[in-house]
Amino acid sequence: MRLTNRPKTDYHKRVKHLFLLLLLLLIGCEIVATPASPPTQSSNLQPTPTLIPITPTPPTDSGWTSLQTGLDRRTINLYTAEGALKDSLYILRIDPAHFRFDVGYSPREPKTLRQWQVETDALITVNGGYFTPEYLATGLTIIDGVASGVSYTYGGMFWTQDGFPTLQPLATQPYSSAQPIEDGLQAFPMLVIDGEASFLRESADRARRTVVGMDTDGNVILIVTARSYFTLPEFSTYLAASDLALNHALNLDGATSSGILLTEPLEEVPALVLLPTVLLIRPK
């Protein structure tokens, strides 16, 4: 009975205290739910990737990269003024002191570059000279000292003795059966002779190109283009003016025949047809 007779002021105080308690609880929940500063990043969250600027075109010139003793690789990309890719040159520089050179010839039984490589275990396989629809070389070919076909009186001849290479312009140095040739193949035209552009005859034909050359230090230079940008006179002028220091350079079969295969590291500019004749390069 005494509780019911408690003054109203006590009741009001109790209600006020309850209200304040509820208000504090609500404020407390709000502080926990909304921290004053962002949480630190936890270890299971992926960081925001750093954006790396993307070059709109690949490097114009890779420069020489050593792949192994006596073997260097270089790539050159050529662009229009608007930045469109015109052509890509794949270039190998090979020191004959560390590698031997041979010719592979399979008349009437052509093979892919990869088949040639598997059968010969060559480190480098590159397409050779011109051939007929019956897959016979159109110029003279020599394998292990045995010659077949008829020699050109123009163009050039790449030949070896004990695996060491020579590049011979046939117009000024005609082939002689007395030459001590172990392996050899012929093609045309010569693009560089004695450091000068040697094929300036007018031509509008553009195609993929394969070139074997020798520089002023005696290295063999192999060049294969990936696209059909160059005419022969344009390529002759380009090579003579380049910093490749070419003494002689011979054009091999081009267009769909152009191709090169390197096995270590594995790199390839694929030929698009079967080939009866190839150059084969192996470590000594």
Protein backbone atom coordinates (compact mmCIF):
# COMPACT_ATOMS: atom_id res chain seq x y z
CA MET A 1 0.00 0.00 0.00
CA ARG A 2 2.86 2.32 0.70
CA LEU A 3 4.13 1.89 -2.88
CA THR A 4 0.87 3.03 -4.34
CA ASN A 5 1.00 6.06 -2.13
CA ARG A 6 4.61 7.00 -3.38
CA PRO A 7 4.68 10.58 -4.69
CA LYS A 8 4.27 11.11 -8.42
CA THR A 9 7.66 12.83 -8.58
CA ASP A 10 9.38 9.44 -7.86
CA TYR A 11 7.49 7.83 -10.67
CA HIS A 12 8.44 10.58 -13.07
CA LYS A 13 12.12 10.22 -12.07
CA ARG A 14 12.03 6.50 -12.77
CA VAL A 15 10.50 7.05 -16.23
CA LYS A 16 13.11 9.73 -16.98
CA HIS A 17 15.96 7.42 -15.93
CA LEU A 18 14.64 4.62 -18.17
CA PHE A 19 14.38 7.01 -21.11
CA LEU A 20 17.96 8.24 -20.64
CA LEU A 21 19.22 4.67 -20.40
CA LEU A 22 17.52 3.71 -23.67
CA LEU A 23 18.93 6.83 -25.37
CA LEU A 24 22.48 5.97 -24.27
CA LEU A 25 22.10 2.42 -25.55
CA LEU A 26 20.94 3.70 -28.91
CA ILE A 27 23.86 6.15 -29.13
CA GLY A 28 26.29 3.39 -28.19
CA CYS A 29 25.02 1.11 -30.96
CA GLU A 30 25.42 3.92 -33.48
CA ILE A 31 29.09 4.50 -32.55
CA VAL A 32 29.96 0.83 -32.95
CA ALA A 33 28.21 0.55 -36.32
CA THR A 34 29.81 3.69 -37.79
CA PRO A 35 33.51 3.94 -36.92
CA ALA A 36 35.14 7.32 -36.92
CA SER A 37 37.85 6.19 -39.42
CA PRO A 38 37.92 3.48 -42.16
CA PRO A 39 39.18 0.07 -41.05
CA THR A 40 42.72 -0.92 -41.96
CA GLN A 41 42.98 -3.34 -44.90
CA SER A 42 42.87 -6.94 -43.77
CA SER A 43 45.27 -9.55 -45.17
CA ASN A 44 42.53 -11.41 -47.02
CA LEU A 45 41.61 -8.44 -49.22
CA GLN A 46 43.18 -8.02 -52.64
CA PRO A 47 45.10 -4.77 -53.05
CA THR A 48 44.16 -2.41 -55.81
CA PRO A 49 46.41 -3.24 -58.79
CA THR A 50 48.90 -0.64 -59.92
CA LEU A 51 48.06 0.53 -63.40
CA ILE A 52 51.03 0.14 -65.74
CA PRO A 53 51.04 2.39 -68.81
CA ILE A 54 50.62 0.32 -71.98
CA THR A 55 52.86 1.25 -74.90
CA PRO A 56 50.67 1.60 -78.01
CA THR A 57 53.28 -0.17 -80.17
CA PRO A 58 56.07 -2.66 -79.38
CA PRO A 59 59.65 -1.38 -79.31
CA THR A 60 60.91 -0.47 -82.76
CA ASP A 61 64.25 -2.24 -82.27
CA SER A 62 64.97 -4.82 -79.57
CA GLY A 63 68.74 -4.57 -80.01
CA TRP A 64 70.91 -7.67 -79.96
CA THR A 65 70.14 -10.28 -77.31
CA SER A 66 72.62 -13.09 -76.66
CA LEU A 67 70.86 -16.48 -76.73
CA GLN A 68 74.03 -18.52 -76.27
CA THR A 69 77.70 -18.23 -77.12
CA GLY A 70 77.98 -17.17 -80.76
CA LEU A 71 74.23 -16.70 -81.29
CA ASP A 72 72.39 -13.38 -81.02
CA ARG A 73 68.83 -12.44 -81.86
CA ARG A 74 67.29 -9.12 -82.82
CA THR A 75 63.82 -8.00 -83.90
CA ILE A 76 63.01 -4.79 -85.75
CA ASN A 77 59.47 -3.48 -86.20
CA LEU A 78 58.79 -0.92 -88.91
CA TYR A 79 55.84 1.48 -88.65
CA THR A 80 54.03 3.99 -90.81
CA ALA A 81 53.90 7.64 -89.74
CA GLU A 82 50.44 6.88 -88.34
CA GLY A 83 51.80 4.07 -86.13
CA ALA A 84 50.55 1.09 -88.16
CA LEU A 85 52.89 -1.90 -88.31
CA LYS A 86 54.45 -2.29 -91.76
CA ASP A 87 56.70 -5.29 -91.16
CA SER A 88 58.64 -7.21 -88.53
CA LEU A 89 62.17 -8.47 -89.11
CA TYR A 90 63.44 -11.52 -87.21
CA ILE A 91 67.23 -11.58 -87.31
CA LEU A 92 69.83 -14.07 -86.07
CA ARG A 93 73.57 -13.39 -85.97
CA ILE A 94 75.63 -16.60 -85.92
CA ASP A 95 79.36 -16.96 -85.33
CA PRO A 96 80.75 -19.79 -87.52
CA ALA A 97 83.41 -20.44 -84.89
CA HIS A 98 80.68 -21.98 -82.72
CA PHE A 99 78.25 -23.38 -85.29
CA ARG A 100 78.39 -25.48 -88.44
CA PHE A 101 76.22 -24.93 -91.50
CA ASP A 102 74.74 -27.60 -93.75
CA VAL A 103 72.17 -27.82 -96.54
CA GLY A 104 69.22 -30.19 -96.45
CA TYR A 105 67.73 -31.30 -99.76
CA SER A 106 64.86 -33.73 -100.27
CA PRO A 107 63.86 -33.58 -103.98
CA ARG A 108 60.23 -34.44 -104.64
CA GLU A 109 59.71 -35.13 -100.93
CA PRO A 110 59.32 -31.73 -99.25
CA LYS A 111 58.88 -31.30 -95.51
CA THR A 112 57.73 -28.72 -93.04
CA LEU A 113 60.34 -26.79 -91.09
CA ARG A 114 59.47 -28.83 -88.02
CA GLN A 115 59.84 -32.13 -89.87
CA TRP A 116 63.25 -31.01 -91.11
CA GLN A 117 64.24 -30.07 -87.57
CA VAL A 118 63.10 -33.37 -86.05
CA GLU A 119 64.94 -35.40 -88.71
CA THR A 120 68.18 -33.43 -88.47
CA ASP A 121 68.19 -32.21 -84.86
CA ALA A 122 69.19 -28.74 -86.10
CA LEU A 123 69.17 -25.82 -83.69
CA ILE A 124 68.12 -23.48 -86.51
CA THR A 125 66.24 -24.42 -89.68
CA VAL A 126 65.53 -21.83 -92.38
CA ASN A 127 64.00 -22.15 -95.84
CA GLY A 128 66.36 -22.42 -98.82
CA GLY A 129 66.19 -21.42 -102.49
CA TYR A 130 63.60 -21.61 -105.25
CA PHE A 131 62.03 -24.86 -106.41
CA THR A 132 59.71 -26.17 -109.11
CA PRO A 133 56.13 -27.44 -108.60
CA GLU A 134 57.70 -30.92 -108.50
CA TYR A 135 59.84 -29.78 -105.51
CA LEU A 136 63.15 -29.76 -107.35
CA ALA A 137 65.64 -26.97 -106.69
CA THR A 138 65.91 -24.62 -109.67
CA GLY A 139 69.59 -23.86 -109.02
CA LEU A 140 72.59 -26.00 -108.26
CA THR A 141 72.43 -27.93 -104.99
CA ILE A 142 75.34 -29.78 -103.42
CA ILE A 143 75.00 -32.29 -100.58
CA ASP A 144 78.07 -34.02 -99.15
CA GLY A 145 80.05 -33.03 -102.22
CA VAL A 146 77.52 -34.42 -104.72
CA ALA A 147 76.07 -31.77 -107.07
CA SER A 148 72.66 -31.83 -108.72
CA GLY A 149 70.98 -29.36 -111.03
CA VAL A 150 72.45 -26.56 -113.13
CA SER A 151 74.28 -23.55 -111.75
CA TYR A 152 72.88 -20.03 -112.09
CA THR A 153 75.04 -17.42 -113.79
CA TYR A 154 73.39 -14.72 -111.66
CA GLY A 155 72.32 -14.45 -108.03
CA GLY A 156 74.49 -16.08 -105.41
CA MET A 157 75.61 -19.31 -103.80
CA PHE A 158 75.83 -20.09 -100.11
CA TRP A 159 78.21 -22.98 -99.60
CA THR A 160 80.19 -24.70 -96.89
CA GLN A 161 83.44 -26.56 -96.48
CA ASP A 162 83.90 -28.46 -93.21
CA GLY A 163 80.85 -26.60 -91.94
CA PHE A 164 82.33 -23.11 -92.50
CA PRO A 165 80.23 -20.85 -94.77
CA THR A 166 81.01 -18.75 -97.82
CA LEU A 167 78.61 -16.46 -99.71
CA GLN A 168 79.59 -16.08 -103.36
CA PRO A 169 78.09 -13.60 -105.89
CA LEU A 170 77.84 -15.67 -109.06
CA ALA A 171 77.87 -12.80 -111.57
CA THR A 172 81.41 -11.86 -110.58
CA GLN A 173 82.55 -15.24 -109.20
CA PRO A 174 80.95 -18.00 -111.32
CA TYR A 175 80.66 -21.46 -109.83
CA SER A 176 83.44 -23.90 -110.64
CA SER A 177 83.22 -27.64 -110.15
CA ALA A 178 86.79 -27.42 -108.85
CA GLN A 179 85.62 -25.55 -105.75
CA PRO A 180 85.97 -27.66 -102.56
CA ILE A 181 82.27 -27.46 -101.70
CA GLU A 182 80.74 -29.82 -99.14
CA ASP A 183 77.17 -28.41 -99.12
CA GLY A 184 75.70 -25.56 -101.13
CA LEU A 185 72.56 -23.95 -102.52
CA GLN A 186 71.84 -21.15 -104.96
CA ALA A 187 69.23 -18.40 -105.07
CA PHE A 188 68.71 -14.87 -106.42
CA PRO A 189 69.10 -11.96 -106.47
CA MET A 190 72.07 -10.73 -104.48
CA LEU A 191 70.74 -7.83 -102.42
CA VAL A 192 74.05 -6.58 -101.04
CA ILE A 193 77.52 -6.96 -102.59
CA ASP A 194 80.57 -5.51 -100.87
CA GLY A 195 78.35 -3.47 -98.59
CA GLU A 196 76.37 -1.80 -101.37
CA ALA A 197 72.78 -2.27 -102.54
CA SER A 198 73.04 -4.52 -105.59
CA PHE A 199 69.48 -5.02 -106.81
CA LEU A 200 67.87 -1.77 -107.85
CA ARG A 201 65.85 -3.05 -110.79
CA GLU A 202 62.32 -1.69 -110.73
CA SER A 203 59.83 -4.07 -109.09
CA ALA A 204 56.43 -3.61 -107.48
CA ASP A 205 56.13 -7.14 -106.10
CA ARG A 206 55.83 -7.20 -102.31
CA ALA A 207 56.27 -10.43 -100.39
CA ARG A 208 57.69 -11.96 -97.26
CA ARG A 209 61.47 -12.24 -97.52
CA THR A 210 64.23 -14.59 -96.36
CA VAL A 211 67.85 -13.46 -96.57
CA VAL A 212 71.17 -15.11 -95.75
CA GLY A 213 74.07 -12.71 -95.42
CA MET A 214 77.57 -12.36 -94.01
CA ASP A 215 78.70 -9.30 -92.13
CA THR A 216 82.10 -7.65 -92.11
CA ASP A 217 83.10 -9.69 -89.04
CA GLY A 218 82.40 -13.00 -90.80
CA ASN A 219 79.15 -13.73 -88.95
CA VAL A 220 76.22 -15.29 -90.82
CA ILE A 221 73.09 -13.10 -90.68
CA LEU A 222 69.68 -14.72 -91.20
CA ILE A 223 66.70 -12.42 -91.77
CA VAL A 224 63.04 -13.38 -92.16
CA THR A 225 60.23 -10.85 -92.52
CA ALA A 226 56.80 -11.62 -91.12
CA ARG A 227 54.83 -9.48 -93.57
CA SER A 228 54.80 -8.60 -97.27
CA TYR A 229 56.00 -5.01 -97.06
CA PHE A 230 59.27 -4.96 -99.01
CA THR A 231 59.89 -5.11 -102.72
CA LEU A 232 63.30 -6.56 -103.58
CA PRO A 233 64.88 -3.20 -104.54
CA GLU A 234 63.46 -1.63 -101.36
CA PHE A 235 64.89 -4.44 -99.26
CA SER A 236 68.23 -4.20 -101.04
CA THR A 237 68.42 -0.49 -100.24
CA TYR A 238 67.22 -1.00 -96.66
CA LEU A 239 69.76 -3.74 -95.87
CA ALA A 240 72.71 -1.86 -97.35
CA ALA A 241 71.82 1.25 -95.32
CA SER A 242 71.18 -0.67 -92.08
CA ASP A 243 73.59 -1.07 -89.18
CA LEU A 244 73.85 -4.85 -89.80
CA ALA A 245 77.26 -4.26 -91.42
CA LEU A 246 76.44 -6.67 -94.25
CA ASN A 247 79.22 -7.44 -96.67
CA HIS A 248 77.09 -9.74 -98.87
CA ALA A 249 73.38 -10.65 -98.67
CA LEU A 250 71.48 -13.17 -100.79
CA ASN A 251 67.71 -13.31 -101.21
CA LEU A 252 66.34 -16.82 -100.69
CA ASP A 253 62.86 -18.05 -101.62
CA GLY A 254 60.20 -15.76 -100.16
CA ALA A 255 56.44 -15.33 -99.87
CA THR A 256 54.81 -18.51 -98.52
CA SER A 257 58.18 -20.29 -98.38
CA SER A 258 59.75 -17.83 -95.94
CA GLY A 259 60.24 -19.33 -92.51
CA ILE A 260 62.70 -19.97 -89.72
CA LEU A 261 62.63 -22.26 -86.70
CA LEU A 262 64.85 -21.90 -83.63
CA THR A 263 64.54 -24.64 -81.01
CA GLU A 264 66.31 -23.11 -77.99
CA PRO A 265 64.56 -20.91 -77.10
CA LEU A 266 61.62 -22.08 -79.21
CA GLU A 267 60.86 -19.31 -81.70
CA GLU A 268 59.39 -19.54 -85.19
CA VAL A 269 58.35 -17.51 -88.17
CA PRO A 270 56.39 -20.31 -89.86
CA ALA A 271 56.75 -21.20 -93.51
CA LEU A 272 53.35 -21.77 -95.09
CA VAL A 273 54.38 -24.48 -97.58
CA LEU A 274 56.43 -27.67 -97.64
CA LEU A 275 60.12 -27.16 -98.42
CA PRO A 276 62.53 -29.38 -100.37
CA THR A 277 65.61 -27.31 -99.45
CA VAL A 278 66.69 -25.79 -96.13
CA LEU A 279 69.72 -24.42 -94.34
CA LEU A 280 70.59 -26.27 -91.14
CA ILE A 281 72.65 -24.81 -88.30
CA ARG A 282 73.96 -26.85 -85.37
CA PRO A 283 76.38 -26.13 -82.51
CA LYS A 284 79.89 -27.49 -83.06
